[in-house]
Amino acid sequence: MAELVVRNARLYPTPTRGSGLYTLEVRDGVIASIRPEDAVGEVEASARVLDAEGGLLSPPLVDPHV
C-alpha cells in the first residue's frame, strides 16, 4: 500500500525514460514504482497525493551527510 504518491512529475530523462510526466509511489519510505502518468490507474484512498504540476522531481542537490 502506497503511503505517498507524487503525480505529474518530470524526471531527468534517460535512454529508457523519456521526458514525459511520471507518477512515483512511495512505500515504507522507499520509492516503490515509477510509471508514466498515462499508465497510472486509481490511487489508493489512504495515500497522500501530491501534484507536482509538471515540476522537476530530483534528489537533494546538497547531501549534508557528506
Protein backbone atom coordinates (compact mmCIF):
# COMPACT_ATOMS: atom_id res chain seq x y z
CA MET A 1 0.00 0.00 0.00
CA ALA A 2 1.47 3.35 -1.05
CA GLU A 3 1.77 5.98 1.66
CA LEU A 4 2.75 8.79 -0.72
CA VAL A 5 2.01 9.30 -4.41
CA VAL A 6 3.62 12.10 -6.44
CA ARG A 7 1.77 12.69 -9.72
CA ASN A 8 2.57 14.80 -12.80
CA ALA A 9 6.31 14.95 -12.07
CA ARG A 10 9.10 15.44 -14.58
CA LEU A 11 12.18 13.30 -14.07
CA TYR A 12 15.65 13.64 -15.53
CA PRO A 13 15.37 11.92 -18.93
CA THR A 14 17.41 8.76 -19.50
CA PRO A 15 17.66 6.45 -22.53
CA THR A 16 14.95 4.22 -21.03
CA ARG A 17 12.80 7.03 -19.63
CA GLY A 18 11.65 9.90 -21.81
CA SER A 19 10.83 13.45 -20.81
CA GLY A 20 7.11 12.98 -20.12
CA LEU A 21 5.21 13.12 -16.85
CA TYR A 22 5.51 10.34 -14.28
CA THR A 23 3.88 9.09 -11.09
CA LEU A 24 6.01 7.85 -8.20
CA GLU A 25 4.70 5.68 -5.38
CA VAL A 26 6.47 5.56 -2.02
CA ARG A 27 6.04 2.57 0.31
CA ASP A 28 7.78 2.27 3.68
CA GLY A 29 9.90 5.33 2.89
CA VAL A 30 11.27 3.89 -0.37
CA ILE A 31 10.31 4.67 -3.98
CA ALA A 32 8.37 1.54 -4.93
CA SER A 33 7.40 2.41 -8.50
CA ILE A 34 7.90 4.99 -11.23
CA ARG A 35 5.32 4.82 -14.02
CA PRO A 36 4.35 7.08 -16.91
CA GLU A 37 1.42 9.28 -15.88
CA ASP A 38 -0.81 7.87 -18.63
CA ALA A 39 -0.25 4.30 -17.32
CA VAL A 40 -1.46 5.03 -13.78
CA GLY A 41 -4.86 3.86 -12.64
CA GLU A 42 -6.68 4.66 -9.43
CA VAL A 43 -4.65 5.77 -6.41
CA GLU A 44 -5.24 4.13 -3.05
CA ALA A 45 -7.59 6.20 -0.88
CA SER A 46 -5.23 6.10 2.12
CA ALA A 47 -2.25 7.51 0.19
CA ARG A 48 -1.19 11.14 0.48
CA VAL A 49 -1.21 12.53 -3.08
CA LEU A 50 0.98 15.41 -4.19
CA ASP A 51 0.55 17.03 -7.60
CA ALA A 52 3.95 18.17 -8.90
CA GLU A 53 2.17 20.19 -11.62
CA GLY A 54 4.85 19.29 -14.18
CA GLY A 55 7.73 20.34 -11.92
CA LEU A 56 11.07 18.53 -11.75
CA LEU A 57 11.41 15.86 -9.09
CA SER A 58 15.06 15.29 -8.21
CA PRO A 59 17.27 14.06 -5.37
CA PRO A 60 18.63 16.71 -2.99
CA LEU A 61 21.27 18.96 -4.52
CA VAL A 62 23.22 19.03 -1.25
CA ASP A 63 23.81 15.99 0.95
CA PRO A 64 24.64 17.24 4.46
CA HIS A 65 25.97 13.79 5.43
CA VAL A 66 28.98 14.07 3.13
